[in-house]
Amino acid sequence: MSEEQLVRHCSPTLAGLKTGSLFGCRFDSPEALRCDVCALNRMLSDKGLRVLPLQYRSGRALIYVFRPERLRRELGDEAHSRLLERMGYPCAAPMGKCLSRLMERLRETEEFPHEIGLFLGYPPEDVQGFIEKRACKITGYWKVYGDTGRALQTFASYRRCTDIYLKKWKSGASLRRLAVRTAS
């Protein structure tokens, strides 16, 4: 997995604007991927970030880059936990149990489980709308069923962040320098 992939797909998370990001990458060997993930976790852990492979399938891995403290807080929110508990997530248990359940759900189906949006920081009302297959109002980083104004502002900030981070990375800024420590 390359640093460019992380910057291209995870800039809003690296900047502290987003709870988590996902991207797929090819890998030659599970050992090499584990080494990459361990090195990234050593580099980014003091910035409040964690890198976790959620799924391995046919020489590809689904990588989740996230802010554990922010995720813990969001999963503890009533709207988030109500949705997740209906799908068998143990929200009263430590956050790791919810991540394990997400990995289980990824193994159970070819499609992404719809609730994955909650792990990425999407609004619960939008995740619920997607699950119910309602007509969405707009589409951007996710399908919006609730507050379109807030979503459009968020989409614009994610785009700006990604553009800025890619430019800085291409100009020589290190991944470690781009990752910011946010208040817990």
N, C-alpha and C. Protein backbone atom coordinates (compact mmCIF):
# COMPACT_ATOMS: atom_id res chain seq x y z
N MET A 1 0.86 -1.17 0.00
CA MET A 1 0.00 0.00 0.00
C MET A 1 0.90 1.22 0.00
N SER A 2 0.49 2.22 -0.76
CA SER A 2 1.35 3.39 -0.89
C SER A 2 0.85 4.55 -0.04
N GLU A 3 1.79 5.43 0.29
CA GLU A 3 1.41 6.65 1.01
C GLU A 3 0.47 7.48 0.16
N GLU A 4 0.68 7.47 -1.16
CA GLU A 4 -0.20 8.24 -2.03
C GLU A 4 -1.65 7.77 -1.91
N GLN A 5 -1.87 6.46 -1.80
CA GLN A 5 -3.23 5.95 -1.62
C GLN A 5 -3.84 6.49 -0.33
N LEU A 6 -3.05 6.48 0.72
CA LEU A 6 -3.54 7.02 2.00
C LEU A 6 -3.90 8.48 1.88
N VAL A 7 -3.06 9.27 1.26
CA VAL A 7 -3.33 10.70 1.12
C VAL A 7 -4.54 10.91 0.21
N ARG A 8 -4.59 10.21 -0.89
CA ARG A 8 -5.69 10.38 -1.86
C ARG A 8 -7.04 10.01 -1.25
N HIS A 9 -7.09 8.95 -0.46
CA HIS A 9 -8.37 8.43 0.04
C HIS A 9 -8.69 8.79 1.49
N CYS A 10 -7.69 9.27 2.22
CA CYS A 10 -7.90 9.46 3.67
C CYS A 10 -7.56 10.85 4.17
N SER A 11 -7.34 11.81 3.31
CA SER A 11 -6.94 13.15 3.76
C SER A 11 -7.87 13.75 4.80
N PRO A 12 -9.20 13.71 4.61
CA PRO A 12 -10.06 14.30 5.64
C PRO A 12 -9.92 13.62 7.01
N THR A 13 -9.62 12.34 7.01
CA THR A 13 -9.39 11.64 8.28
C THR A 13 -8.03 12.03 8.85
N LEU A 14 -7.02 12.09 8.00
CA LEU A 14 -5.69 12.51 8.45
C LEU A 14 -5.73 13.91 9.05
N ALA A 15 -6.59 14.77 8.48
CA ALA A 15 -6.71 16.16 8.93
C ALA A 15 -7.61 16.33 10.15
N GLY A 16 -8.29 15.25 10.55
CA GLY A 16 -9.17 15.33 11.71
C GLY A 16 -10.56 15.83 11.38
N LEU A 17 -10.92 15.89 10.10
CA LEU A 17 -12.25 16.34 9.69
C LEU A 17 -13.26 15.20 9.67
N LYS A 18 -12.78 13.99 9.62
CA LYS A 18 -13.63 12.82 9.38
C LYS A 18 -13.22 11.70 10.33
N THR A 19 -14.18 10.91 10.74
CA THR A 19 -13.93 9.81 11.67
C THR A 19 -13.08 8.71 11.05
N GLY A 20 -13.41 8.33 9.83
CA GLY A 20 -12.69 7.23 9.20
C GLY A 20 -12.82 7.26 7.70
N SER A 21 -11.91 6.56 7.04
CA SER A 21 -11.89 6.45 5.59
C SER A 21 -11.55 5.01 5.22
N LEU A 22 -12.01 4.61 4.05
CA LEU A 22 -11.75 3.27 3.53
C LEU A 22 -11.09 3.38 2.16
N PHE A 23 -10.24 2.42 1.86
CA PHE A 23 -9.75 2.28 0.50
C PHE A 23 -9.28 0.85 0.29
N GLY A 24 -9.32 0.43 -0.94
CA GLY A 24 -8.84 -0.90 -1.29
C GLY A 24 -7.45 -0.82 -1.86
N CYS A 25 -6.65 -1.84 -1.59
CA CYS A 25 -5.31 -1.88 -2.17
C CYS A 25 -4.93 -3.32 -2.45
N ARG A 26 -4.08 -3.46 -3.43
CA ARG A 26 -3.53 -4.79 -3.76
C ARG A 26 -2.39 -5.08 -2.80
N PHE A 27 -2.17 -6.37 -2.56
CA PHE A 27 -1.01 -6.75 -1.77
C PHE A 27 -0.43 -8.04 -2.34
N ASP A 28 0.89 -8.12 -2.25
CA ASP A 28 1.58 -9.30 -2.78
C ASP A 28 1.58 -10.44 -1.77
N SER A 29 1.75 -10.09 -0.51
CA SER A 29 1.74 -11.13 0.52
C SER A 29 1.09 -10.57 1.78
N PRO A 30 0.41 -11.42 2.52
CA PRO A 30 -0.18 -10.96 3.78
C PRO A 30 0.87 -10.42 4.76
N GLU A 31 2.06 -11.03 4.73
CA GLU A 31 3.13 -10.60 5.63
C GLU A 31 3.57 -9.17 5.30
N ALA A 32 3.73 -8.88 4.01
CA ALA A 32 4.15 -7.53 3.60
C ALA A 32 3.08 -6.51 3.99
N LEU A 33 1.82 -6.86 3.80
CA LEU A 33 0.74 -5.95 4.17
C LEU A 33 0.74 -5.71 5.68
N ARG A 34 0.91 -6.79 6.46
CA ARG A 34 0.97 -6.63 7.92
C ARG A 34 2.12 -5.71 8.33
N CYS A 35 3.25 -5.86 7.66
CA CYS A 35 4.40 -4.98 7.96
C CYS A 35 4.07 -3.53 7.64
N ASP A 36 3.43 -3.29 6.49
CA ASP A 36 3.03 -1.93 6.12
C ASP A 36 2.07 -1.35 7.16
N VAL A 37 1.08 -2.14 7.56
CA VAL A 37 0.09 -1.67 8.53
C VAL A 37 0.75 -1.38 9.87
N CYS A 38 1.63 -2.25 10.31
CA CYS A 38 2.35 -2.03 11.58
C CYS A 38 3.18 -0.75 11.52
N ALA A 39 3.89 -0.55 10.42
CA ALA A 39 4.72 0.66 10.27
C ALA A 39 3.85 1.91 10.29
N LEU A 40 2.71 1.86 9.60
CA LEU A 40 1.81 3.02 9.60
C LEU A 40 1.24 3.28 10.98
N ASN A 41 0.87 2.24 11.69
CA ASN A 41 0.34 2.42 13.04
C ASN A 41 1.40 3.02 13.97
N ARG A 42 2.66 2.58 13.84
CA ARG A 42 3.74 3.17 14.65
C ARG A 42 3.90 4.65 14.31
N MET A 43 3.80 4.99 13.03
CA MET A 43 4.00 6.36 12.58
C MET A 43 2.84 7.27 12.99
N LEU A 44 1.62 6.74 13.00
CA LEU A 44 0.44 7.60 13.15
C LEU A 44 -0.29 7.50 14.49
N SER A 45 0.09 6.54 15.33
CA SER A 45 -0.67 6.32 16.56
C SER A 45 -0.65 7.54 17.49
N ASP A 46 0.47 8.22 17.59
CA ASP A 46 0.51 9.38 18.47
C ASP A 46 -0.26 10.58 17.90
N LYS A 47 -0.72 10.46 16.67
CA LYS A 47 -1.58 11.48 16.06
C LYS A 47 -3.06 11.14 16.26
N GLY A 48 -3.31 10.04 16.97
CA GLY A 48 -4.70 9.63 17.22
C GLY A 48 -5.32 8.87 16.08
N LEU A 49 -4.49 8.24 15.25
CA LEU A 49 -4.97 7.50 14.08
C LEU A 49 -4.62 6.03 14.19
N ARG A 50 -5.44 5.21 13.56
CA ARG A 50 -5.18 3.77 13.52
C ARG A 50 -5.49 3.26 12.12
N VAL A 51 -4.71 2.30 11.68
CA VAL A 51 -4.89 1.66 10.38
C VAL A 51 -5.23 0.20 10.63
N LEU A 52 -6.31 -0.26 10.01
CA LEU A 52 -6.80 -1.61 10.26
C LEU A 52 -7.29 -2.24 8.96
N PRO A 53 -6.71 -3.39 8.58
CA PRO A 53 -7.26 -4.10 7.42
C PRO A 53 -8.57 -4.77 7.86
N LEU A 54 -9.66 -4.44 7.18
CA LEU A 54 -10.97 -5.00 7.54
C LEU A 54 -11.27 -6.28 6.80
N GLN A 55 -10.69 -6.42 5.61
CA GLN A 55 -11.05 -7.56 4.78
C GLN A 55 -9.91 -7.87 3.82
N TYR A 56 -9.74 -9.15 3.57
CA TYR A 56 -8.79 -9.64 2.56
C TYR A 56 -9.59 -10.48 1.57
N ARG A 57 -9.42 -10.19 0.29
CA ARG A 57 -10.15 -10.98 -0.71
C ARG A 57 -9.40 -10.91 -2.04
N SER A 58 -9.01 -12.05 -2.55
CA SER A 58 -8.39 -12.16 -3.89
C SER A 58 -7.23 -11.19 -4.11
N GLY A 59 -6.29 -11.16 -3.18
CA GLY A 59 -5.11 -10.31 -3.34
C GLY A 59 -5.37 -8.83 -3.11
N ARG A 60 -6.53 -8.51 -2.56
CA ARG A 60 -6.87 -7.12 -2.24
C ARG A 60 -7.26 -7.03 -0.77
N ALA A 61 -6.97 -5.89 -0.20
CA ALA A 61 -7.34 -5.64 1.19
C ALA A 61 -8.18 -4.37 1.25
N LEU A 62 -9.12 -4.37 2.16
CA LEU A 62 -9.91 -3.18 2.45
C LEU A 62 -9.31 -2.57 3.71
N ILE A 63 -8.76 -1.37 3.58
CA ILE A 63 -8.05 -0.72 4.67
C ILE A 63 -8.92 0.38 5.27
N TYR A 64 -9.01 0.37 6.58
CA TYR A 64 -9.78 1.35 7.33
C TYR A 64 -8.81 2.20 8.12
N VAL A 65 -8.79 3.50 7.86
CA VAL A 65 -7.98 4.45 8.60
C VAL A 65 -8.97 5.27 9.42
N PHE A 66 -8.76 5.31 10.74
CA PHE A 66 -9.77 5.95 11.57
C PHE A 66 -9.17 6.57 12.83
N ARG A 67 -10.00 7.35 13.48
CA ARG A 67 -9.66 8.01 14.74
C ARG A 67 -10.45 7.30 15.83
N PRO A 68 -9.80 6.39 16.57
CA PRO A 68 -10.50 5.58 17.57
C PRO A 68 -11.29 6.37 18.60
N GLU A 69 -10.74 7.45 19.10
CA GLU A 69 -11.47 8.22 20.12
C GLU A 69 -12.74 8.83 19.56
N ARG A 70 -12.64 9.34 18.37
CA ARG A 70 -13.83 9.92 17.73
C ARG A 70 -14.86 8.84 17.42
N LEU A 71 -14.39 7.69 16.93
CA LEU A 71 -15.30 6.58 16.64
C LEU A 71 -15.99 6.11 17.91
N ARG A 72 -15.24 5.98 18.99
CA ARG A 72 -15.80 5.54 20.27
C ARG A 72 -16.92 6.49 20.71
N ARG A 73 -16.65 7.77 20.59
CA ARG A 73 -17.64 8.79 20.96
C ARG A 73 -18.90 8.69 20.08
N GLU A 74 -18.70 8.56 18.78
CA GLU A 74 -19.83 8.49 17.86
C GLU A 74 -20.64 7.21 18.05
N LEU A 75 -19.97 6.09 18.24
CA LEU A 75 -20.69 4.83 18.44
C LEU A 75 -21.47 4.84 19.75
N GLY A 76 -21.05 5.66 20.69
CA GLY A 76 -21.77 5.80 21.95
C GLY A 76 -23.00 6.69 21.85
N ASP A 77 -23.10 7.43 20.78
CA ASP A 77 -24.26 8.30 20.55
C ASP A 77 -25.51 7.44 20.34
N GLU A 78 -26.63 7.89 20.90
CA GLU A 78 -27.87 7.10 20.86
C GLU A 78 -28.32 6.76 19.44
N ALA A 79 -28.27 7.71 18.52
CA ALA A 79 -28.72 7.45 17.14
C ALA A 79 -27.85 6.40 16.47
N HIS A 80 -26.54 6.49 16.68
CA HIS A 80 -25.62 5.51 16.11
C HIS A 80 -25.87 4.12 16.71
N SER A 81 -25.88 4.07 18.03
CA SER A 81 -25.98 2.76 18.69
C SER A 81 -27.32 2.09 18.42
N ARG A 82 -28.39 2.86 18.33
CA ARG A 82 -29.70 2.27 18.04
C ARG A 82 -29.68 1.56 16.68
N LEU A 83 -29.12 2.22 15.68
CA LEU A 83 -29.02 1.62 14.34
C LEU A 83 -28.15 0.36 14.36
N LEU A 84 -27.00 0.46 15.00
CA LEU A 84 -26.06 -0.66 15.02
C LEU A 84 -26.58 -1.85 15.82
N GLU A 85 -27.23 -1.58 16.93
CA GLU A 85 -27.75 -2.68 17.75
C GLU A 85 -28.79 -3.50 17.00
N ARG A 86 -29.58 -2.85 16.14
CA ARG A 86 -30.56 -3.58 15.33
C ARG A 86 -29.89 -4.57 14.38
N MET A 87 -28.62 -4.33 14.08
CA MET A 87 -27.88 -5.19 13.16
C MET A 87 -26.91 -6.11 13.88
N GLY A 88 -27.11 -6.25 15.18
CA GLY A 88 -26.32 -7.20 15.94
C GLY A 88 -24.99 -6.69 16.46
N TYR A 89 -24.79 -5.40 16.48
CA TYR A 89 -23.55 -4.84 17.01
C TYR A 89 -23.66 -4.70 18.52
N PRO A 90 -22.61 -5.08 19.24
CA PRO A 90 -22.62 -4.98 20.70
C PRO A 90 -22.16 -3.60 21.16
N CYS A 91 -23.00 -2.61 21.01
CA CYS A 91 -22.59 -1.22 21.29
C CYS A 91 -22.22 -0.96 22.74
N ALA A 92 -22.74 -1.77 23.66
CA ALA A 92 -22.40 -1.58 25.08
C ALA A 92 -21.00 -2.14 25.38
N ALA A 93 -20.48 -2.97 24.49
CA ALA A 93 -19.15 -3.58 24.67
C ALA A 93 -18.08 -2.60 24.19
N PRO A 94 -16.81 -2.91 24.43
CA PRO A 94 -15.74 -2.05 23.92
C PRO A 94 -15.82 -1.92 22.38
N MET A 95 -15.31 -0.80 21.88
CA MET A 95 -15.37 -0.49 20.45
C MET A 95 -14.81 -1.61 19.57
N GLY A 96 -13.80 -2.30 20.04
CA GLY A 96 -13.21 -3.39 19.27
C GLY A 96 -14.21 -4.46 18.89
N LYS A 97 -15.19 -4.68 19.75
CA LYS A 97 -16.24 -5.67 19.46
C LYS A 97 -17.09 -5.22 18.27
N CYS A 98 -17.36 -3.92 18.19
CA CYS A 98 -18.11 -3.40 17.04
C CYS A 98 -17.28 -3.52 15.76
N LEU A 99 -15.98 -3.26 15.85
CA LEU A 99 -15.12 -3.42 14.67
C LEU A 99 -15.06 -4.89 14.24
N SER A 100 -15.01 -5.80 15.22
CA SER A 100 -15.02 -7.23 14.89
C SER A 100 -16.32 -7.61 14.19
N ARG A 101 -17.43 -7.07 14.67
CA ARG A 101 -18.73 -7.35 14.05
C ARG A 101 -18.78 -6.79 12.62
N LEU A 102 -18.20 -5.62 12.40
CA LEU A 102 -18.13 -5.05 11.06
C LEU A 102 -17.33 -5.97 10.13
N MET A 103 -16.22 -6.49 10.62
CA MET A 103 -15.41 -7.41 9.82
C MET A 103 -16.19 -8.68 9.50
N GLU A 104 -16.95 -9.17 10.47
CA GLU A 104 -17.83 -10.32 10.25
C GLU A 104 -18.84 -10.03 9.16
N ARG A 105 -19.48 -8.87 9.25
CA ARG A 105 -20.49 -8.47 8.26
C ARG A 105 -19.87 -8.37 6.86
N LEU A 106 -18.64 -7.91 6.77
CA LEU A 106 -17.97 -7.83 5.48
C LEU A 106 -17.71 -9.23 4.90
N ARG A 107 -17.43 -10.19 5.78
CA ARG A 107 -17.22 -11.57 5.32
C ARG A 107 -18.53 -12.23 4.89
N GLU A 108 -19.64 -11.83 5.51
CA GLU A 108 -20.93 -12.47 5.26
C GLU A 108 -21.55 -12.11 3.91
N THR A 109 -21.14 -11.00 3.32
CA THR A 109 -21.80 -10.52 2.11
C THR A 109 -20.80 -9.99 1.09
N GLU A 110 -21.19 -10.02 -0.16
CA GLU A 110 -20.34 -9.47 -1.23
C GLU A 110 -20.41 -7.94 -1.22
N GLU A 111 -21.55 -7.39 -0.78
CA GLU A 111 -21.74 -5.95 -0.75
C GLU A 111 -21.21 -5.38 0.57
N PHE A 112 -20.98 -4.07 0.57
CA PHE A 112 -20.66 -3.42 1.83
C PHE A 112 -21.89 -3.42 2.70
N PRO A 113 -21.76 -3.74 3.97
CA PRO A 113 -22.91 -3.59 4.86
C PRO A 113 -23.27 -2.11 4.95
N HIS A 114 -24.51 -1.79 4.81
CA HIS A 114 -24.94 -0.39 4.73
C HIS A 114 -24.53 0.44 5.95
N GLU A 115 -24.46 -0.20 7.10
CA GLU A 115 -24.11 0.53 8.33
C GLU A 115 -22.66 0.98 8.37
N ILE A 116 -21.87 0.59 7.40
CA ILE A 116 -20.46 0.97 7.39
C ILE A 116 -20.30 2.49 7.40
N GLY A 117 -21.30 3.19 6.89
CA GLY A 117 -21.26 4.65 6.90
C GLY A 117 -21.10 5.24 8.29
N LEU A 118 -21.63 4.56 9.30
CA LEU A 118 -21.50 5.05 10.67
C LEU A 118 -20.04 4.99 11.14
N PHE A 119 -19.27 4.07 10.59
CA PHE A 119 -17.86 3.95 10.95
C PHE A 119 -17.00 4.98 10.20
N LEU A 120 -17.61 5.62 9.21
CA LEU A 120 -16.91 6.62 8.41
C LEU A 120 -17.29 8.05 8.79
N GLY A 121 -18.22 8.17 9.72
CA GLY A 121 -18.63 9.49 10.18
C GLY A 121 -19.82 10.07 9.45
N TYR A 122 -20.53 9.26 8.69
CA TYR A 122 -21.71 9.76 7.99
C TYR A 122 -22.85 9.96 8.99
N PRO A 123 -23.72 10.93 8.75
CA PRO A 123 -24.84 11.16 9.67
C PRO A 123 -25.78 9.96 9.75
N PRO A 124 -26.22 9.61 10.96
CA PRO A 124 -27.11 8.46 11.12
C PRO A 124 -28.38 8.54 10.26
N GLU A 125 -28.94 9.75 10.09
CA GLU A 125 -30.15 9.86 9.29
C GLU A 125 -29.89 9.51 7.83
N ASP A 126 -28.68 9.75 7.35
CA ASP A 126 -28.34 9.40 5.98
C ASP A 126 -28.09 7.90 5.84
N VAL A 127 -27.46 7.31 6.84
CA VAL A 127 -27.25 5.85 6.83
C VAL A 127 -28.60 5.15 6.90
N GLN A 128 -29.49 5.63 7.75
CA GLN A 128 -30.83 5.05 7.87
C GLN A 128 -31.59 5.17 6.54
N GLY A 129 -31.51 6.32 5.90
CA GLY A 129 -32.17 6.52 4.61
C GLY A 129 -31.66 5.56 3.55
N PHE A 130 -30.35 5.32 3.57
CA PHE A 130 -29.75 4.38 2.61
C PHE A 130 -30.23 2.96 2.89
N ILE A 131 -30.28 2.58 4.15
CA ILE A 131 -30.74 1.24 4.53
C ILE A 131 -32.18 1.03 4.08
N GLU A 132 -33.00 2.07 4.25
CA GLU A 132 -34.42 1.98 3.88
C GLU A 132 -34.66 2.15 2.39
N LYS A 133 -33.57 2.43 1.64
CA LYS A 133 -33.65 2.61 0.19
C LYS A 133 -34.62 3.71 -0.22
N ARG A 134 -34.63 4.79 0.57
CA ARG A 134 -35.45 5.96 0.22
C ARG A 134 -34.79 6.72 -0.92
N ALA A 135 -35.51 7.61 -1.55
CA ALA A 135 -34.94 8.47 -2.58
C ALA A 135 -34.05 9.50 -1.90
N CYS A 136 -32.79 9.58 -2.34
CA CYS A 136 -31.88 10.53 -1.71
C CYS A 136 -32.05 11.91 -2.32
N LYS A 137 -31.65 12.92 -1.55
CA LYS A 137 -31.76 14.30 -1.99
C LYS A 137 -30.58 14.69 -2.87
N ILE A 138 -29.37 14.31 -2.45
CA ILE A 138 -28.15 14.57 -3.22
C ILE A 138 -27.16 13.44 -2.97
N THR A 139 -26.17 13.36 -3.85
CA THR A 139 -25.11 12.37 -3.70
C THR A 139 -23.77 13.08 -3.78
N GLY A 140 -22.87 12.71 -2.90
CA GLY A 140 -21.51 13.24 -2.88
C GLY A 140 -20.61 12.16 -2.34
N TYR A 141 -19.98 12.40 -1.20
CA TYR A 141 -19.17 11.37 -0.56
C TYR A 141 -20.05 10.24 -0.04
N TRP A 142 -21.31 10.53 0.15
CA TRP A 142 -22.32 9.54 0.53
C TRP A 142 -23.66 10.05 0.01
N LYS A 143 -24.69 9.23 0.08
CA LYS A 143 -26.04 9.65 -0.32
C LYS A 143 -26.69 10.36 0.86
N VAL A 144 -27.26 11.52 0.57
CA VAL A 144 -27.81 12.38 1.62
C VAL A 144 -29.34 12.30 1.61
N TYR A 145 -29.87 12.02 2.79
CA TYR A 145 -31.33 11.94 2.98
C TYR A 145 -31.79 12.99 3.97
N GLY A 146 -30.87 13.59 4.67
CA GLY A 146 -31.19 14.56 5.72
C GLY A 146 -30.78 15.97 5.31
N ASP A 147 -29.89 16.58 6.08
CA ASP A 147 -29.50 17.97 5.94
C ASP A 147 -28.56 18.17 4.73
N THR A 148 -29.12 18.65 3.62
CA THR A 148 -28.31 18.82 2.41
C THR A 148 -27.31 19.96 2.54
N GLY A 149 -27.70 21.03 3.22
CA GLY A 149 -26.78 22.17 3.39
C GLY A 149 -25.52 21.77 4.11
N ARG A 150 -25.70 21.06 5.22
CA ARG A 150 -24.54 20.60 6.00
C ARG A 150 -23.70 19.62 5.18
N ALA A 151 -24.37 18.73 4.44
CA ALA A 151 -23.64 17.76 3.62
C ALA A 151 -22.83 18.45 2.53
N LEU A 152 -23.41 19.43 1.85
CA LEU A 152 -22.68 20.14 0.79
C LEU A 152 -21.45 20.84 1.34
N GLN A 153 -21.57 21.44 2.53
CA GLN A 153 -20.41 22.08 3.17
C GLN A 153 -19.34 21.04 3.50
N THR A 154 -19.78 19.90 4.01
CA THR A 154 -18.85 18.83 4.35
C THR A 154 -18.15 18.30 3.11
N PHE A 155 -18.90 18.07 2.03
CA PHE A 155 -18.30 17.58 0.78
C PHE A 155 -17.24 18.57 0.29
N ALA A 156 -17.56 19.86 0.33
CA ALA A 156 -16.61 20.88 -0.14
C ALA A 156 -15.35 20.88 0.73
N SER A 157 -15.52 20.74 2.05
CA SER A 157 -14.33 20.74 2.92
C SER A 157 -13.48 19.49 2.68
N TYR A 158 -14.11 18.35 2.43
CA TYR A 158 -13.35 17.13 2.13
C TYR A 158 -12.58 17.28 0.82
N ARG A 159 -13.22 17.86 -0.19
CA ARG A 159 -12.54 18.06 -1.49
C ARG A 159 -11.35 19.01 -1.33
N ARG A 160 -11.58 20.14 -0.64
CA ARG A 160 -10.48 21.10 -0.43
C ARG A 160 -9.33 20.44 0.32
N CYS A 161 -9.66 19.72 1.37
CA CYS A 161 -8.64 19.05 2.17
C CYS A 161 -7.83 18.08 1.33
N THR A 162 -8.51 17.26 0.55
CA THR A 162 -7.81 16.27 -0.29
C THR A 162 -6.92 16.97 -1.30
N ASP A 163 -7.41 18.02 -1.95
CA ASP A 163 -6.60 18.75 -2.92
C ASP A 163 -5.34 19.33 -2.26
N ILE A 164 -5.53 19.95 -1.10
CA ILE A 164 -4.40 20.56 -0.38
C ILE A 164 -3.40 19.50 0.07
N TYR A 165 -3.90 18.40 0.63
CA TYR A 165 -3.01 17.35 1.12
C TYR A 165 -2.24 16.69 -0.02
N LEU A 166 -2.91 16.43 -1.14
CA LEU A 166 -2.20 15.83 -2.29
C LEU A 166 -1.10 16.77 -2.79
N LYS A 167 -1.43 18.05 -2.86
CA LYS A 167 -0.44 19.03 -3.32
C LYS A 167 0.76 19.07 -2.37
N LYS A 168 0.49 19.11 -1.06
CA LYS A 168 1.57 19.13 -0.08
C LYS A 168 2.40 17.85 -0.13
N TRP A 169 1.71 16.70 -0.26
CA TRP A 169 2.43 15.42 -0.29
C TRP A 169 3.32 15.36 -1.53
N LYS A 170 2.79 15.80 -2.67
CA LYS A 170 3.58 15.78 -3.91
C LYS A 170 4.75 16.76 -3.84
N SER A 171 4.64 17.77 -2.97
CA SER A 171 5.73 18.74 -2.79
C SER A 171 6.73 18.30 -1.73
N GLY A 172 6.53 17.10 -1.17
CA GLY A 172 7.52 16.56 -0.24
C GLY A 172 7.10 16.45 1.20
N ALA A 173 5.90 16.89 1.56
CA ALA A 173 5.46 16.75 2.96
C ALA A 173 5.27 15.27 3.28
N SER A 174 5.73 14.86 4.43
CA SER A 174 5.60 13.45 4.81
C SER A 174 4.18 13.16 5.29
N LEU A 175 3.82 11.91 5.24
CA LEU A 175 2.52 11.47 5.73
C LEU A 175 2.38 11.83 7.21
N ARG A 176 3.43 11.61 7.95
CA ARG A 176 3.42 11.94 9.38
C ARG A 176 3.16 13.42 9.62
N ARG A 177 3.74 14.25 8.80
CA ARG A 177 3.54 15.70 8.94
C ARG A 177 2.12 16.09 8.57
N LEU A 178 1.54 15.42 7.59
CA LEU A 178 0.18 15.75 7.16
C LEU A 178 -0.87 15.33 8.20
N ALA A 179 -0.58 14.27 8.92
CA ALA A 179 -1.53 13.80 9.94
C ALA A 179 -1.49 14.73 11.14
N VAL A 180 -2.67 15.15 11.57
CA VAL A 180 -2.73 16.07 12.71
C VAL A 180 -3.27 15.35 13.93
N ARG A 181 -2.83 15.81 15.08
CA ARG A 181 -3.36 15.32 16.35
C ARG A 181 -4.55 16.18 16.69
N THR A 182 -5.69 15.57 16.95
CA THR A 182 -6.88 16.33 17.31
C THR A 182 -7.17 16.13 18.79
N ALA A 183 -7.91 17.05 19.35
CA ALA A 183 -8.32 16.92 20.75
C ALA A 183 -9.28 15.76 20.87
N SER A 184 -9.13 14.95 21.88
CA SER A 184 -10.00 13.78 22.07
C SER A 184 -11.34 14.17 22.58
